[in-house]
Amino acid sequence: MNKNKKKYILGETDEEFICVSEKDNQRIAVSMIEQTELQLDILSQLFDPDIYDNSECCEAIEDLALRSRHSRIRILLHDVKSVSQRGHLVLELGKRLASPMMQFRRVQEYDKSIPDTFMIADRIGIMHRPHPDTLAATVNFKDHPTAKELTKLFEDIWKNAEPDPYARYIII
C-alpha cells in the first residue's frame, strides 16, 4: 500500500496495487467496506481473522447492514464451524442482526478446491488473494472486469452453498 496515505475512492480510483501486510490488508478492507453502499460479497476459507476479525471491520459491516433495507452482505466460508468455534466478531454480528441482509453460507465440498479468497464491494471494488497461504492481495477500488469475473464465480458458488447451523441467528 502507498505510504503517502492516498485516499482510494470506491468506483473512482482505478489503480491496482498489492497489499502484503496484515495492517495494510485490514486498513484497505475497512476502507472499502466503509465506502460500500449496497452489496458486499466475501469468499474465504476461514474468514481471514487477520483481516476481518477486528472492531473496525465489524463496525463497517454493521453500518453497511443497517444503512439501507436494500443492503446485502453475503459471506461464503469453507469451514463455518471452525470460524464459529474460534470466535469471530463479524460472524457474531451476523447472528445478532438476524437479518436476511447479512447471510453466511458454507461452500460445498467440490467448490473447496477453489483456493481464492476475495471481497467484492458494490460489484466494482475488489480485494483478491489467489493463494490462501499468503496475505498478498491485489486491490483495486474500480476494476469492473475483474469484479464481474469474481462476481460470476461467487454467484456460482453461492447457488450451490448451504446455510450452516453454526451461522444461525441468535434469538434474543
C-alpha atoms as a PDB file:
ATOM      1  CA  MET A   1       0.000   0.000   0.000  1.00  0.00           C
ATOM      2  CA  ASN A   2       1.157   3.511  -0.725  1.00  0.00           C
ATOM      3  CA  LYS A   3       2.844   5.144   2.263  1.00  0.00           C
ATOM      4  CA  ASN A   4       1.512   8.605   1.357  1.00  0.00           C
ATOM      5  CA  LYS A   5      -1.977   7.710   2.698  1.00  0.00           C
ATOM      6  CA  LYS A   6      -3.651   8.305  -0.663  1.00  0.00           C
ATOM      7  CA  LYS A   7      -7.414   8.126  -0.415  1.00  0.00           C
ATOM      8  CA  TYR A   8      -8.810   5.378  -2.594  1.00  0.00           C
ATOM      9  CA  ILE A   9     -12.397   6.027  -3.707  1.00  0.00           C
ATOM     10  CA  LEU A  10     -14.713   3.097  -4.430  1.00  0.00           C
ATOM     11  CA  GLY A  11     -15.947   3.308  -8.006  1.00  0.00           C
ATOM     12  CA  GLU A  12     -13.489   6.099  -8.904  1.00  0.00           C
ATOM     13  CA  THR A  13      -9.873   5.118  -8.191  1.00  0.00           C
ATOM     14  CA  ASP A  14      -8.795   2.717 -10.930  1.00  0.00           C
ATOM     15  CA  GLU A  15      -5.354   1.829  -9.649  1.00  0.00           C
ATOM     16  CA  GLU A  16      -4.257  -1.710  -8.948  1.00  0.00           C
ATOM     17  CA  PHE A  17      -1.879  -2.296  -6.058  1.00  0.00           C
ATOM     18  CA  ILE A  18      -0.763  -5.107  -3.786  1.00  0.00           C
ATOM     19  CA  CYS A  19      -1.295  -5.300  -0.023  1.00  0.00           C
ATOM     20  CA  VAL A  20       1.079  -7.626   1.772  1.00  0.00           C
ATOM     21  CA  SER A  21       0.973  -6.815   5.465  1.00  0.00           C
ATOM     22  CA  GLU A  22      -1.770  -7.658   7.927  1.00  0.00           C
ATOM     23  CA  LYS A  23      -2.134  -3.981   8.875  1.00  0.00           C
ATOM     24  CA  ASP A  24      -2.480  -2.803   5.257  1.00  0.00           C
ATOM     25  CA  ASN A  25      -4.967  -5.579   4.453  1.00  0.00           C
ATOM     26  CA  GLN A  26      -7.102  -4.583   7.465  1.00  0.00           C
ATOM     27  CA  ARG A  27      -6.944  -0.891   6.611  1.00  0.00           C
ATOM     28  CA  ILE A  28      -7.832  -1.372   2.948  1.00  0.00           C
ATOM     29  CA  ALA A  29     -10.633  -3.864   3.709  1.00  0.00           C
ATOM     30  CA  VAL A  30     -12.203  -1.456   6.222  1.00  0.00           C
ATOM     31  CA  SER A  31     -11.836   1.481   3.832  1.00  0.00           C
ATOM     32  CA  MET A  32     -13.523  -0.435   1.020  1.00  0.00           C
ATOM     33  CA  ILE A  33     -16.329  -1.727   3.264  1.00  0.00           C
ATOM     34  CA  GLU A  34     -16.964   1.755   4.685  1.00  0.00           C
ATOM     35  CA  GLN A  35     -17.445   3.062   1.135  1.00  0.00           C
ATOM     36  CA  THR A  36     -19.718   0.196   0.058  1.00  0.00           C
ATOM     37  CA  GLU A  37     -23.254   1.428  -0.466  1.00  0.00           C
ATOM     38  CA  LEU A  38     -25.301  -1.735  -1.040  1.00  0.00           C
ATOM     39  CA  GLN A  39     -23.544  -5.012  -1.716  1.00  0.00           C
ATOM     40  CA  LEU A  40     -20.601  -6.825  -0.181  1.00  0.00           C
ATOM     41  CA  ASP A  41     -19.589 -10.363  -1.148  1.00  0.00           C
ATOM     42  CA  ILE A  42     -16.778 -12.230   0.612  1.00  0.00           C
ATOM     43  CA  LEU A  43     -15.365 -15.684  -0.141  1.00  0.00           C
ATOM     44  CA  SER A  44     -12.915 -17.047   2.411  1.00  0.00           C
ATOM     45  CA  GLN A  45     -11.773 -20.340   3.814  1.00  0.00           C
ATOM     46  CA  LEU A  46     -11.699 -19.358   7.495  1.00  0.00           C
ATOM     47  CA  PHE A  47     -12.907 -15.732   7.283  1.00  0.00           C
ATOM     48  CA  ASP A  48      -9.369 -14.331   7.467  1.00  0.00           C
ATOM     49  CA  PRO A  49      -9.155 -13.296  11.126  1.00  0.00           C
ATOM     50  CA  ASP A  50      -6.050 -11.222  10.335  1.00  0.00           C
ATOM     51  CA  ILE A  51      -8.195  -9.023   8.085  1.00  0.00           C
ATOM     52  CA  TYR A  52     -11.853  -9.172   9.135  1.00  0.00           C
ATOM     53  CA  ASP A  53     -11.908 -10.098  12.842  1.00  0.00           C
ATOM     54  CA  ASN A  54     -11.475  -6.641  14.369  1.00  0.00           C
ATOM     55  CA  SER A  55     -13.809  -3.964  15.711  1.00  0.00           C
ATOM     56  CA  GLU A  56     -13.249  -1.530  12.804  1.00  0.00           C
ATOM     57  CA  CYS A  57     -14.252  -4.105  10.199  1.00  0.00           C
ATOM     58  CA  CYS A  58     -17.184  -5.294  12.281  1.00  0.00           C
ATOM     59  CA  GLU A  59     -18.451  -1.705  12.683  1.00  0.00           C
ATOM     60  CA  ALA A  60     -18.098  -1.034   8.946  1.00  0.00           C
ATOM     61  CA  ILE A  61     -20.088  -4.181   8.105  1.00  0.00           C
ATOM     62  CA  GLU A  62     -22.724  -3.363  10.710  1.00  0.00           C
ATOM     63  CA  ASP A  63     -23.077   0.178   9.307  1.00  0.00           C
ATOM     64  CA  LEU A  64     -23.497  -1.276   5.815  1.00  0.00           C
ATOM     65  CA  ALA A  65     -26.100  -3.792   7.011  1.00  0.00           C
ATOM     66  CA  LEU A  66     -28.119  -1.071   8.739  1.00  0.00           C
ATOM     67  CA  ARG A  67     -27.637   1.619   6.071  1.00  0.00           C
ATOM     68  CA  SER A  68     -30.481   0.503   3.812  1.00  0.00           C
ATOM     69  CA  ARG A  69     -33.126  -2.158   3.615  1.00  0.00           C
ATOM     70  CA  HIS A  70     -31.555  -2.950   0.239  1.00  0.00           C
ATOM     71  CA  SER A  71     -28.108  -3.695   1.715  1.00  0.00           C
ATOM     72  CA  ARG A  72     -26.873  -7.199   1.005  1.00  0.00           C
ATOM     73  CA  ILE A  73     -23.891  -8.833   2.652  1.00  0.00           C
ATOM     74  CA  ARG A  74     -23.105 -12.395   1.617  1.00  0.00           C
ATOM     75  CA  ILE A  75     -20.237 -14.349   3.108  1.00  0.00           C
ATOM     76  CA  LEU A  76     -19.138 -17.753   1.820  1.00  0.00           C
ATOM     77  CA  LEU A  77     -16.909 -19.787   4.114  1.00  0.00           C
ATOM     78  CA  HIS A  78     -15.242 -23.154   3.682  1.00  0.00           C
ATOM     79  CA  ASP A  79     -15.470 -24.042   7.372  1.00  0.00           C
ATOM     80  CA  VAL A  80     -18.128 -22.118   9.303  1.00  0.00           C
ATOM     81  CA  LYS A  81     -17.836 -24.486  12.279  1.00  0.00           C
ATOM     82  CA  SER A  82     -14.141 -23.678  12.838  1.00  0.00           C
ATOM     83  CA  VAL A  83     -14.804 -19.940  12.492  1.00  0.00           C
ATOM     84  CA  SER A  84     -17.708 -20.156  14.953  1.00  0.00           C
ATOM     85  CA  GLN A  85     -15.764 -22.207  17.486  1.00  0.00           C
ATOM     86  CA  ARG A  86     -12.750 -19.886  17.268  1.00  0.00           C
ATOM     87  CA  GLY A  87     -14.995 -16.851  17.563  1.00  0.00           C
ATOM     88  CA  HIS A  88     -15.254 -14.042  15.024  1.00  0.00           C
ATOM     89  CA  LEU A  89     -16.741 -10.596  15.575  1.00  0.00           C
ATOM     90  CA  VAL A  90     -18.424 -10.410  12.161  1.00  0.00           C
ATOM     91  CA  LEU A  91     -19.938 -13.900  12.439  1.00  0.00           C
ATOM     92  CA  GLU A  92     -21.332 -12.961  15.862  1.00  0.00           C
ATOM     93  CA  LEU A  93     -22.675  -9.717  14.384  1.00  0.00           C
ATOM     94  CA  GLY A  94     -24.493 -11.711  11.701  1.00  0.00           C
ATOM     95  CA  LYS A  95     -26.057 -13.919  14.361  1.00  0.00           C
ATOM     96  CA  ARG A  96     -27.202 -10.876  16.361  1.00  0.00           C
ATOM     97  CA  LEU A  97     -28.639  -8.966  13.418  1.00  0.00           C
ATOM     98  CA  ALA A  98     -30.833 -11.921  12.417  1.00  0.00           C
ATOM     99  CA  SER A  99     -31.318 -10.217   9.094  1.00  0.00           C
ATOM    100  CA  PRO A 100     -31.670 -11.593   5.591  1.00  0.00           C
ATOM    101  CA  MET A 101     -29.469  -8.649   4.568  1.00  0.00           C
ATOM    102  CA  MET A 102     -26.457 -10.462   6.064  1.00  0.00           C
ATOM    103  CA  GLN A 103     -26.107 -14.125   5.164  1.00  0.00           C
ATOM    104  CA  PHE A 104     -23.462 -16.778   5.656  1.00  0.00           C
ATOM    105  CA  ARG A 105     -23.229 -19.999   3.678  1.00  0.00           C
ATOM    106  CA  ARG A 106     -20.920 -22.995   3.711  1.00  0.00           C
ATOM    107  CA  VAL A 107     -19.102 -23.789   0.465  1.00  0.00           C
ATOM    108  CA  GLN A 108     -19.853 -27.240  -0.971  1.00  0.00           C
ATOM    109  CA  GLU A 109     -17.029 -29.804  -0.896  1.00  0.00           C
ATOM    110  CA  TYR A 110     -16.497 -29.663  -4.671  1.00  0.00           C
ATOM    111  CA  ASP A 111     -16.064 -25.869  -4.562  1.00  0.00           C
ATOM    112  CA  LYS A 112     -13.467 -26.031  -1.778  1.00  0.00           C
ATOM    113  CA  SER A 113     -10.788 -26.745  -4.381  1.00  0.00           C
ATOM    114  CA  ILE A 114     -11.010 -23.065  -5.363  1.00  0.00           C
ATOM    115  CA  PRO A 115      -8.136 -21.517  -3.393  1.00  0.00           C
ATOM    116  CA  ASP A 116      -9.124 -17.878  -3.959  1.00  0.00           C
ATOM    117  CA  THR A 117     -10.142 -15.519  -1.196  1.00  0.00           C
ATOM    118  CA  PHE A 118     -11.778 -12.287  -2.238  1.00  0.00           C
ATOM    119  CA  MET A 119     -14.046  -9.408  -1.362  1.00  0.00           C
ATOM    120  CA  ILE A 120     -16.196  -7.572  -3.907  1.00  0.00           C
ATOM    121  CA  ALA A 121     -17.657  -4.205  -2.934  1.00  0.00           C
ATOM    122  CA  ASP A 122     -20.650  -2.878  -4.890  1.00  0.00           C
ATOM    123  CA  ARG A 123     -19.649  -5.054  -7.875  1.00  0.00           C
ATOM    124  CA  ILE A 124     -16.753  -2.684  -8.652  1.00  0.00           C
ATOM    125  CA  GLY A 125     -14.080  -2.804  -5.913  1.00  0.00           C
ATOM    126  CA  ILE A 126     -12.024  -5.932  -5.363  1.00  0.00           C
ATOM    127  CA  MET A 127      -9.564  -7.314  -2.867  1.00  0.00           C
ATOM    128  CA  HIS A 128      -8.304 -10.655  -4.206  1.00  0.00           C
ATOM    129  CA  ARG A 129      -5.874 -13.226  -2.864  1.00  0.00           C
ATOM    130  CA  PRO A 130      -5.396 -16.138  -5.264  1.00  0.00           C
ATOM    131  CA  HIS A 131      -3.412 -18.105  -2.652  1.00  0.00           C
ATOM    132  CA  PRO A 132      -4.755 -18.665   0.878  1.00  0.00           C
ATOM    133  CA  ASP A 133      -1.315 -19.154   2.424  1.00  0.00           C
ATOM    134  CA  THR A 134      -0.291 -15.519   1.947  1.00  0.00           C
ATOM    135  CA  LEU A 135      -1.746 -12.114   2.778  1.00  0.00           C
ATOM    136  CA  ALA A 136      -0.617 -10.695  -0.583  1.00  0.00           C
ATOM    137  CA  ALA A 137      -3.807  -9.285  -2.087  1.00  0.00           C
ATOM    138  CA  THR A 138      -4.422  -7.480  -5.350  1.00  0.00           C
ATOM    139  CA  VAL A 139      -6.640  -4.474  -4.706  1.00  0.00           C
ATOM    140  CA  ASN A 140      -8.476  -2.083  -6.991  1.00  0.00           C
ATOM    141  CA  PHE A 141     -11.306   0.252  -5.995  1.00  0.00           C
ATOM    142  CA  LYS A 142     -12.594   0.380  -9.585  1.00  0.00           C
ATOM    143  CA  ASP A 143     -11.985  -2.788 -11.554  1.00  0.00           C
ATOM    144  CA  HIS A 144     -15.219  -3.675 -13.311  1.00  0.00           C
ATOM    145  CA  PRO A 145     -13.810  -6.545 -15.461  1.00  0.00           C
ATOM    146  CA  THR A 146     -12.232  -8.387 -12.517  1.00  0.00           C
ATOM    147  CA  ALA A 147     -15.201  -7.632 -10.257  1.00  0.00           C
ATOM    148  CA  LYS A 148     -17.532  -9.044 -12.915  1.00  0.00           C
ATOM    149  CA  GLU A 149     -15.432 -12.211 -13.231  1.00  0.00           C
ATOM    150  CA  LEU A 150     -15.221 -12.711  -9.448  1.00  0.00           C
ATOM    151  CA  THR A 151     -18.943 -11.954  -9.041  1.00  0.00           C
ATOM    152  CA  LYS A 152     -19.770 -14.701 -11.527  1.00  0.00           C
ATOM    153  CA  LEU A 153     -17.575 -17.139  -9.600  1.00  0.00           C
ATOM    154  CA  PHE A 154     -19.156 -16.020  -6.321  1.00  0.00           C
ATOM    155  CA  GLU A 155     -22.704 -16.423  -7.718  1.00  0.00           C
ATOM    156  CA  ASP A 156     -21.921 -19.948  -8.949  1.00  0.00           C
ATOM    157  CA  ILE A 157     -20.545 -20.983  -5.551  1.00  0.00           C
ATOM    158  CA  TRP A 158     -23.384 -19.197  -3.681  1.00  0.00           C
ATOM    159  CA  LYS A 159     -26.073 -21.081  -5.635  1.00  0.00           C
ATOM    160  CA  ASN A 160     -24.607 -24.411  -4.507  1.00  0.00           C
ATOM    161  CA  ALA A 161     -23.687 -23.369  -0.965  1.00  0.00           C
ATOM    162  CA  GLU A 162     -25.846 -24.106   2.069  1.00  0.00           C
ATOM    163  CA  PRO A 163     -26.779 -22.142   5.159  1.00  0.00           C
ATOM    164  CA  ASP A 164     -24.771 -23.517   8.070  1.00  0.00           C
ATOM    165  CA  PRO A 165     -26.130 -24.218  11.560  1.00  0.00           C
ATOM    166  CA  TYR A 166     -23.033 -22.570  13.067  1.00  0.00           C
ATOM    167  CA  ALA A 167     -24.032 -19.269  11.446  1.00  0.00           C
ATOM    168  CA  ARG A 168     -27.660 -19.344  12.501  1.00  0.00           C
ATOM    169  CA  TYR A 169     -29.239 -16.340  14.112  1.00  0.00           C
ATOM    170  CA  ILE A 170     -29.415 -15.987  17.867  1.00  0.00           C
ATOM    171  CA  ILE A 171     -32.960 -15.309  19.023  1.00  0.00           C
ATOM    172  CA  ILE A 172     -32.859 -12.941  21.996  1.00  0.00           C
END
